[in-house]
C-alpha atoms as a PDB file:
ATOM      1  CA  UNK A   1      20.176 -25.001  31.955  1.00  0.00           C
ATOM      2  CA  UNK A   2      19.145 -26.261  28.514  1.00  0.00           C
ATOM      3  CA  UNK A   3      18.722 -29.866  29.677  1.00  0.00           C
ATOM      4  CA  UNK A   4      16.639 -28.678  32.625  1.00  0.00           C
ATOM      5  CA  UNK A   5      14.384 -26.678  30.314  1.00  0.00           C
ATOM      6  CA  UNK A   6      14.143 -29.617  27.914  1.00  0.00           C
ATOM      7  CA  UNK A   7      13.155 -32.013  30.689  1.00  0.00           C
ATOM      8  CA  UNK A   8      10.490 -29.592  31.896  1.00  0.00           C
ATOM      9  CA  UNK A   9       9.076 -28.516  28.560  1.00  0.00           C
ATOM     10  CA  UNK A  10       9.715 -31.134  25.875  1.00  0.00           C
ATOM     11  CA  UNK A  11       6.690 -32.986  24.625  1.00  0.00           C
ATOM     12  CA  UNK A  12       6.630 -36.773  24.572  1.00  0.00           C
ATOM     13  CA  UNK A  13       5.877 -38.355  21.205  1.00  0.00           C
ATOM     14  CA  UNK A  14       3.928 -41.529  21.960  1.00  0.00           C
ATOM     15  CA  UNK A  15       4.651 -43.084  18.558  1.00  0.00           C
ATOM     16  CA  UNK A  16       8.338 -43.378  19.553  1.00  0.00           C
ATOM     17  CA  UNK A  17       7.463 -46.044  22.126  1.00  0.00           C
ATOM     18  CA  UNK A  18       6.087 -49.568  21.982  1.00  0.00           C
ATOM     19  CA  UNK A  19       5.761 -49.978  25.743  1.00  0.00           C
ATOM     20  CA  UNK A  20       5.304 -47.944  28.908  1.00  0.00           C
ATOM     21  CA  UNK A  21       7.034 -49.357  31.983  1.00  0.00           C
ATOM     22  CA  UNK A  22       5.745 -48.187  35.354  1.00  0.00           C
ATOM     23  CA  UNK A  23       7.449 -48.283  38.717  1.00  0.00           C
ATOM     24  CA  UNK A  24       4.920 -49.197  41.414  1.00  0.00           C
ATOM     25  CA  UNK A  25       5.384 -47.501  44.805  1.00  0.00           C
ATOM     26  CA  UNK A  26       4.962 -43.753  44.439  1.00  0.00           C
ATOM     27  CA  UNK A  27       4.051 -44.003  40.755  1.00  0.00           C
ATOM     28  CA  UNK A  28       0.972 -46.237  40.634  1.00  0.00           C
ATOM     29  CA  UNK A  29       0.305 -46.806  44.330  1.00  0.00           C
ATOM     30  CA  UNK A  30       0.354 -44.104  46.997  1.00  0.00           C
ATOM     31  CA  UNK A  31       2.305 -46.413  49.282  1.00  0.00           C
ATOM     32  CA  UNK A  32       5.634 -44.705  49.957  1.00  0.00           C
ATOM     33  CA  UNK A  33       4.483 -43.050  53.199  1.00  0.00           C
ATOM     34  CA  UNK A  34       3.216 -46.385  54.525  1.00  0.00           C
ATOM     35  CA  UNK A  35       6.459 -48.133  53.585  1.00  0.00           C
ATOM     36  CA  UNK A  36       8.490 -45.459  55.348  1.00  0.00           C
ATOM     37  CA  UNK A  37       6.314 -45.456  58.471  1.00  0.00           C
ATOM     38  CA  UNK A  38       6.460 -49.238  58.890  1.00  0.00           C
ATOM     39  CA  UNK A  39      10.223 -49.300  58.278  1.00  0.00           C
ATOM     40  CA  UNK A  40      10.662 -46.682  61.000  1.00  0.00           C
ATOM     41  CA  UNK A  41       8.405 -48.705  63.320  1.00  0.00           C
ATOM     42  CA  UNK A  42      10.615 -51.771  62.889  1.00  0.00           C
ATOM     43  CA  UNK A  43      13.779 -49.769  63.575  1.00  0.00           C
ATOM     44  CA  UNK A  44      12.192 -48.087  66.594  1.00  0.00           C
ATOM     45  CA  UNK A  45      11.295 -51.505  68.015  1.00  0.00           C
ATOM     46  CA  UNK A  46      15.016 -52.254  68.314  1.00  0.00           C
ATOM     47  CA  UNK A  47      15.943 -48.673  69.280  1.00  0.00           C
ATOM     48  CA  UNK A  48      17.980 -48.313  66.100  1.00  0.00           C
ATOM     49  CA  UNK A  49      18.785 -44.667  65.264  1.00  0.00           C
ATOM     50  CA  UNK A  50      18.282 -43.474  61.699  1.00  0.00           C
ATOM     51  CA  UNK A  51      18.703 -40.390  59.599  1.00  0.00           C
ATOM     52  CA  UNK A  52      16.005 -39.369  57.126  1.00  0.00           C
ATOM     53  CA  UNK A  53      18.558 -38.843  54.368  1.00  0.00           C
ATOM     54  CA  UNK A  54      19.768 -42.413  54.815  1.00  0.00           C
ATOM     55  CA  UNK A  55      16.200 -43.722  54.750  1.00  0.00           C
ATOM     56  CA  UNK A  56      15.479 -41.837  51.526  1.00  0.00           C
ATOM     57  CA  UNK A  57      18.620 -43.188  49.888  1.00  0.00           C
ATOM     58  CA  UNK A  58      16.982 -46.626  49.897  1.00  0.00           C
ATOM     59  CA  UNK A  59      13.825 -45.483  48.091  1.00  0.00           C
ATOM     60  CA  UNK A  60      13.209 -47.680  45.071  1.00  0.00           C
ATOM     61  CA  UNK A  61      15.262 -50.557  46.497  1.00  0.00           C
ATOM     62  CA  UNK A  62      13.952 -53.781  48.101  1.00  0.00           C
ATOM     63  CA  UNK A  63      13.118 -53.598  51.788  1.00  0.00           C
ATOM     64  CA  UNK A  64      15.418 -56.563  52.486  1.00  0.00           C
ATOM     65  CA  UNK A  65      18.367 -54.488  51.273  1.00  0.00           C
ATOM     66  CA  UNK A  66      17.237 -51.719  53.614  1.00  0.00           C
ATOM     67  CA  UNK A  67      17.091 -53.961  56.685  1.00  0.00           C
ATOM     68  CA  UNK A  68      20.295 -55.829  55.808  1.00  0.00           C
ATOM     69  CA  UNK A  69      22.078 -52.467  55.975  1.00  0.00           C
ATOM     70  CA  UNK A  70      20.812 -51.661  59.482  1.00  0.00           C
ATOM     71  CA  UNK A  71      21.118 -55.243  60.727  1.00  0.00           C
ATOM     72  CA  UNK A  72      24.804 -55.360  59.837  1.00  0.00           C
ATOM     73  CA  UNK A  73      25.476 -51.924  61.279  1.00  0.00           C
ATOM     74  CA  UNK A  74      23.721 -52.562  64.610  1.00  0.00           C
ATOM     75  CA  UNK A  75      24.171 -56.343  64.953  1.00  0.00           C
ATOM     76  CA  UNK A  76      20.481 -57.259  64.940  1.00  0.00           C
ATOM     77  CA  UNK A  77      18.484 -59.782  62.946  1.00  0.00           C
ATOM     78  CA  UNK A  78      17.508 -58.548  59.499  1.00  0.00           C
ATOM     79  CA  UNK A  79      14.794 -61.223  59.361  1.00  0.00           C
ATOM     80  CA  UNK A  80      13.200 -59.980  62.593  1.00  0.00           C
ATOM     81  CA  UNK A  81      13.250 -56.374  61.397  1.00  0.00           C
ATOM     82  CA  UNK A  82      11.731 -57.377  58.091  1.00  0.00           C
ATOM     83  CA  UNK A  83       9.007 -59.462  59.737  1.00  0.00           C
ATOM     84  CA  UNK A  84       7.947 -56.584  61.982  1.00  0.00           C
ATOM     85  CA  UNK A  85       7.817 -54.259  58.990  1.00  0.00           C
ATOM     86  CA  UNK A  86       5.937 -56.758  56.791  1.00  0.00           C
ATOM     87  CA  UNK A  87       3.376 -57.603  59.492  1.00  0.00           C
ATOM     88  CA  UNK A  88       2.530 -53.937  59.959  1.00  0.00           C
ATOM     89  CA  UNK A  89       2.542 -53.078  56.274  1.00  0.00           C
ATOM     90  CA  UNK A  90       0.371 -56.059  55.315  1.00  0.00           C
ATOM     91  CA  UNK A  91      -2.309 -54.936  57.769  1.00  0.00           C
ATOM     92  CA  UNK A  92      -2.559 -51.685  55.817  1.00  0.00           C
ATOM     93  CA  UNK A  93      -2.609 -53.042  52.250  1.00  0.00           C
ATOM     94  CA  UNK A  94      -6.316 -52.372  51.790  1.00  0.00           C
ATOM     95  CA  UNK A  95      -5.797 -48.708  52.701  1.00  0.00           C
ATOM     96  CA  UNK A  96      -3.323 -48.037  49.873  1.00  0.00           C
ATOM     97  CA  UNK A  97      -4.928 -46.032  47.097  1.00  0.00           C
ATOM     98  CA  UNK A  98      -3.777 -45.187  43.569  1.00  0.00           C
ATOM     99  CA  UNK A  99      -1.674 -42.110  42.892  1.00  0.00           C
ATOM    100  CA  UNK A 100      -4.039 -39.501  41.472  1.00  0.00           C
ATOM    101  CA  UNK A 101      -4.451 -40.099  37.727  1.00  0.00           C
ATOM    102  CA  UNK A 102      -2.222 -43.188  37.567  1.00  0.00           C
ATOM    103  CA  UNK A 103      -4.951 -45.746  36.837  1.00  0.00           C
ATOM    104  CA  UNK A 104      -6.531 -43.609  34.138  1.00  0.00           C
ATOM    105  CA  UNK A 105      -3.147 -43.014  32.519  1.00  0.00           C
ATOM    106  CA  UNK A 106      -2.317 -46.731  32.527  1.00  0.00           C
ATOM    107  CA  UNK A 107      -5.609 -47.497  30.819  1.00  0.00           C
ATOM    108  CA  UNK A 108      -4.948 -44.789  28.234  1.00  0.00           C
ATOM    109  CA  UNK A 109      -1.520 -46.257  27.483  1.00  0.00           C
ATOM    110  CA  UNK A 110      -2.906 -49.780  27.243  1.00  0.00           C
ATOM    111  CA  UNK A 111      -5.105 -48.804  24.292  1.00  0.00           C
ATOM    112  CA  UNK A 112      -2.133 -49.043  21.921  1.00  0.00           C
ATOM    113  CA  UNK A 113       0.973 -49.679  24.062  1.00  0.00           C
ATOM    114  CA  UNK A 114       2.263 -52.599  26.054  1.00  0.00           C
ATOM    115  CA  UNK A 115       2.003 -51.745  29.770  1.00  0.00           C
ATOM    116  CA  UNK A 116       4.303 -53.372  32.328  1.00  0.00           C
ATOM    117  CA  UNK A 117       5.356 -52.868  35.952  1.00  0.00           C
ATOM    118  CA  UNK A 118       8.985 -52.982  37.092  1.00  0.00           C
ATOM    119  CA  UNK A 119       9.258 -52.729  40.866  1.00  0.00           C
ATOM    120  CA  UNK A 120      11.419 -53.546  43.872  1.00  0.00           C
ATOM    121  CA  UNK A 121       8.267 -54.410  45.793  1.00  0.00           C
ATOM    122  CA  UNK A 122       7.058 -57.883  46.713  1.00  0.00           C
ATOM    123  CA  UNK A 123       4.872 -59.437  44.021  1.00  0.00           C
ATOM    124  CA  UNK A 124       2.032 -60.216  46.407  1.00  0.00           C
ATOM    125  CA  UNK A 125       1.649 -56.550  47.374  1.00  0.00           C
ATOM    126  CA  UNK A 126       1.498 -55.500  43.733  1.00  0.00           C
ATOM    127  CA  UNK A 127      -0.980 -58.221  42.801  1.00  0.00           C
ATOM    128  CA  UNK A 128      -3.226 -57.289  45.735  1.00  0.00           C
ATOM    129  CA  UNK A 129      -3.347 -53.692  44.487  1.00  0.00           C
ATOM    130  CA  UNK A 130      -3.968 -54.743  40.875  1.00  0.00           C
ATOM    131  CA  UNK A 131      -6.818 -57.014  41.921  1.00  0.00           C
ATOM    132  CA  UNK A 132      -8.473 -54.379  44.111  1.00  0.00           C
ATOM    133  CA  UNK A 133      -8.285 -51.809  41.308  1.00  0.00           C
ATOM    134  CA  UNK A 134      -9.299 -54.157  38.453  1.00  0.00           C
ATOM    135  CA  UNK A 135      -6.090 -53.551  36.472  1.00  0.00           C
ATOM    136  CA  UNK A 136      -5.191 -57.098  35.404  1.00  0.00           C
ATOM    137  CA  UNK A 137      -6.505 -56.671  31.871  1.00  0.00           C
ATOM    138  CA  UNK A 138      -4.243 -53.678  31.246  1.00  0.00           C
ATOM    139  CA  UNK A 139      -0.887 -55.072  32.447  1.00  0.00           C
ATOM    140  CA  UNK A 140       1.163 -57.557  30.460  1.00  0.00           C
ATOM    141  CA  UNK A 141       3.854 -58.411  33.008  1.00  0.00           C
ATOM    142  CA  UNK A 142       5.244 -57.570  36.431  1.00  0.00           C
ATOM    143  CA  UNK A 143       8.921 -57.745  37.326  1.00  0.00           C
ATOM    144  CA  UNK A 144       9.150 -57.733  41.123  1.00  0.00           C
ATOM    145  CA  UNK A 145      11.928 -58.086  43.686  1.00  0.00           C
ATOM    146  CA  UNK A 146      11.614 -61.883  43.483  1.00  0.00           C
ATOM    147  CA  UNK A 147      12.378 -61.973  39.761  1.00  0.00           C
ATOM    148  CA  UNK A 148      15.934 -60.608  39.752  1.00  0.00           C
ATOM    149  CA  UNK A 149      19.188 -60.978  41.649  1.00  0.00           C
ATOM    150  CA  UNK A 150      20.385 -57.391  41.291  1.00  0.00           C
ATOM    151  CA  UNK A 151      17.874 -54.665  42.104  1.00  0.00           C
ATOM    152  CA  UNK A 152      17.521 -50.973  41.297  1.00  0.00           C
ATOM    153  CA  UNK A 153      19.709 -48.939  40.778  1.00  0.00           C
ATOM    154  CA  UNK A 154      21.184 -51.913  38.881  1.00  0.00           C
ATOM    155  CA  UNK A 155      19.584 -52.122  35.394  1.00  0.00           C
ATOM    156  CA  UNK A 156      18.741 -55.834  35.732  1.00  0.00           C
ATOM    157  CA  UNK A 157      15.012 -55.341  36.525  1.00  0.00           C
ATOM    158  CA  UNK A 158      14.414 -53.301  33.364  1.00  0.00           C
ATOM    159  CA  UNK A 159      16.701 -55.435  31.216  1.00  0.00           C
ATOM    160  CA  UNK A 160      14.829 -58.546  32.399  1.00  0.00           C
ATOM    161  CA  UNK A 161      11.471 -57.057  31.417  1.00  0.00           C
ATOM    162  CA  UNK A 162      12.777 -55.894  28.039  1.00  0.00           C
ATOM    163  CA  UNK A 163      14.338 -59.247  27.183  1.00  0.00           C
ATOM    164  CA  UNK A 164      11.367 -61.339  28.304  1.00  0.00           C
ATOM    165  CA  UNK A 165       9.011 -59.321  26.129  1.00  0.00           C
ATOM    166  CA  UNK A 166      11.392 -58.886  23.175  1.00  0.00           C
ATOM    167  CA  UNK A 167      11.219 -55.113  23.418  1.00  0.00           C
ATOM    168  CA  UNK A 168      13.701 -52.540  22.173  1.00  0.00           C
ATOM    169  CA  UNK A 169      15.180 -50.523  25.020  1.00  0.00           C
ATOM    170  CA  UNK A 170      14.960 -47.128  23.292  1.00  0.00           C
ATOM    171  CA  UNK A 171      11.317 -47.787  22.445  1.00  0.00           C
ATOM    172  CA  UNK A 172      10.410 -48.131  26.127  1.00  0.00           C
ATOM    173  CA  UNK A 173       9.177 -45.162  28.147  1.00  0.00           C
ATOM    174  CA  UNK A 174       9.676 -45.568  31.899  1.00  0.00           C
ATOM    175  CA  UNK A 175       7.873 -43.656  34.643  1.00  0.00           C
ATOM    176  CA  UNK A 176       9.854 -43.446  37.881  1.00  0.00           C
ATOM    177  CA  UNK A 177       9.740 -41.321  41.038  1.00  0.00           C
ATOM    178  CA  UNK A 178      13.108 -42.120  42.634  1.00  0.00           C
ATOM    179  CA  UNK A 179      16.735 -41.556  41.622  1.00  0.00           C
ATOM    180  CA  UNK A 180      17.502 -45.267  42.115  1.00  0.00           C
ATOM    181  CA  UNK A 181      14.748 -46.189  39.678  1.00  0.00           C
ATOM    182  CA  UNK A 182      15.804 -43.586  37.126  1.00  0.00           C
ATOM    183  CA  UNK A 183      19.435 -44.727  37.216  1.00  0.00           C
ATOM    184  CA  UNK A 184      18.264 -48.318  36.682  1.00  0.00           C
ATOM    185  CA  UNK A 185      16.049 -47.477  33.706  1.00  0.00           C
ATOM    186  CA  UNK A 186      18.594 -45.191  32.038  1.00  0.00           C
ATOM    187  CA  UNK A 187      21.317 -47.847  32.369  1.00  0.00           C
ATOM    188  CA  UNK A 188      18.938 -50.270  30.638  1.00  0.00           C
ATOM    189  CA  UNK A 189      18.693 -47.868  27.684  1.00  0.00           C
ATOM    190  CA  UNK A 190      15.178 -46.490  28.258  1.00  0.00           C
ATOM    191  CA  UNK A 191      13.793 -42.960  28.151  1.00  0.00           C
ATOM    192  CA  UNK A 192      12.569 -41.914  31.591  1.00  0.00           C
ATOM    193  CA  UNK A 193       9.868 -39.624  32.931  1.00  0.00           C
ATOM    194  CA  UNK A 194      10.699 -38.381  36.432  1.00  0.00           C
ATOM    195  CA  UNK A 195       7.527 -37.960  38.494  1.00  0.00           C
ATOM    196  CA  UNK A 196       8.031 -35.436  41.289  1.00  0.00           C
ATOM    197  CA  UNK A 197       6.901 -36.815  44.641  1.00  0.00           C
ATOM    198  CA  UNK A 198       9.152 -37.511  47.599  1.00  0.00           C
ATOM    199  CA  UNK A 199      12.114 -36.437  45.486  1.00  0.00           C
ATOM    200  CA  UNK A 200      12.624 -33.000  43.990  1.00  0.00           C
ATOM    201  CA  UNK A 201      12.975 -32.010  40.366  1.00  0.00           C
ATOM    202  CA  UNK A 202      16.684 -31.487  41.010  1.00  0.00           C
ATOM    203  CA  UNK A 203      17.101 -35.024  42.390  1.00  0.00           C
ATOM    204  CA  UNK A 204      15.312 -36.588  39.426  1.00  0.00           C
ATOM    205  CA  UNK A 205      17.231 -34.564  36.863  1.00  0.00           C
ATOM    206  CA  UNK A 206      20.534 -35.376  38.543  1.00  0.00           C
ATOM    207  CA  UNK A 207      19.681 -39.077  38.247  1.00  0.00           C
ATOM    208  CA  UNK A 208      19.183 -38.641  34.493  1.00  0.00           C
ATOM    209  CA  UNK A 209      15.447 -38.177  33.866  1.00  0.00           C
ATOM    210  CA  UNK A 210      14.650 -37.154  30.275  1.00  0.00           C
ATOM    211  CA  UNK A 211      11.310 -35.570  31.174  1.00  0.00           C
ATOM    212  CA  UNK A 212      10.024 -34.048  34.413  1.00  0.00           C
ATOM    213  CA  UNK A 213       6.362 -33.942  35.443  1.00  0.00           C
ATOM    214  CA  UNK A 214       4.599 -32.941  38.641  1.00  0.00           C
ATOM    215  CA  UNK A 215       1.548 -35.188  38.187  1.00  0.00           C
ATOM    216  CA  UNK A 216      -0.175 -37.544  35.764  1.00  0.00           C
ATOM    217  CA  UNK A 217      -2.271 -34.632  34.605  1.00  0.00           C
ATOM    218  CA  UNK A 218       0.958 -32.845  33.713  1.00  0.00           C
ATOM    219  CA  UNK A 219       2.276 -35.999  32.011  1.00  0.00           C
ATOM    220  CA  UNK A 220      -0.880 -36.422  29.961  1.00  0.00           C
ATOM    221  CA  UNK A 221      -0.570 -32.821  28.781  1.00  0.00           C
ATOM    222  CA  UNK A 222       3.001 -33.439  27.582  1.00  0.00           C
ATOM    223  CA  UNK A 223       2.158 -36.476  25.447  1.00  0.00           C
ATOM    224  CA  UNK A 224       1.237 -36.266  21.797  1.00  0.00           C
ATOM    225  CA  UNK A 225      -0.777 -39.419  21.259  1.00  0.00           C
END
């Protein structure tokens, strides 16, 4: 119970970190529901059955990995599934809004920390969101699904960001909302804030989160700047 209490209650000392690394979907952008709905639409088009627990197990991983799994299992074209999903998702890009408090928190961090994004999403989707929300000036670099071979939960995305920017792993604070993302960041040597969203506090703690917050307001209250 002590680690659970620590994750809930410990304050975050900002001076310990040189950089804050943000996941994108579900952390900055309120896009997880749209991703899930358009994935289901693609599967439904081919009458492919799915279980919600299986769908959730792919959260934080590239959508190609998701469709490769179902394509192999049901002998359909992964490329066709992905195209249906992408066509539907792209039509909704302009509807995707920021997670409450995320933009303000990023700007706060950028005053004296390096701010980066490490995501399994497609770069174009992230850049569209950044442009629409005027965030370019606050973000140093984006590591997207196109930039690595091995994706979350593999640590390669975070290691790539750390090495490119000559950062020290233990001086990076990561904000993640999925177990796959937390496992990736922890394996890269970072401290991780688990943001409760589609996954429970229990799920995030089990994955190894060092801190647990329910919102960016909660996160802001835990940080000693």
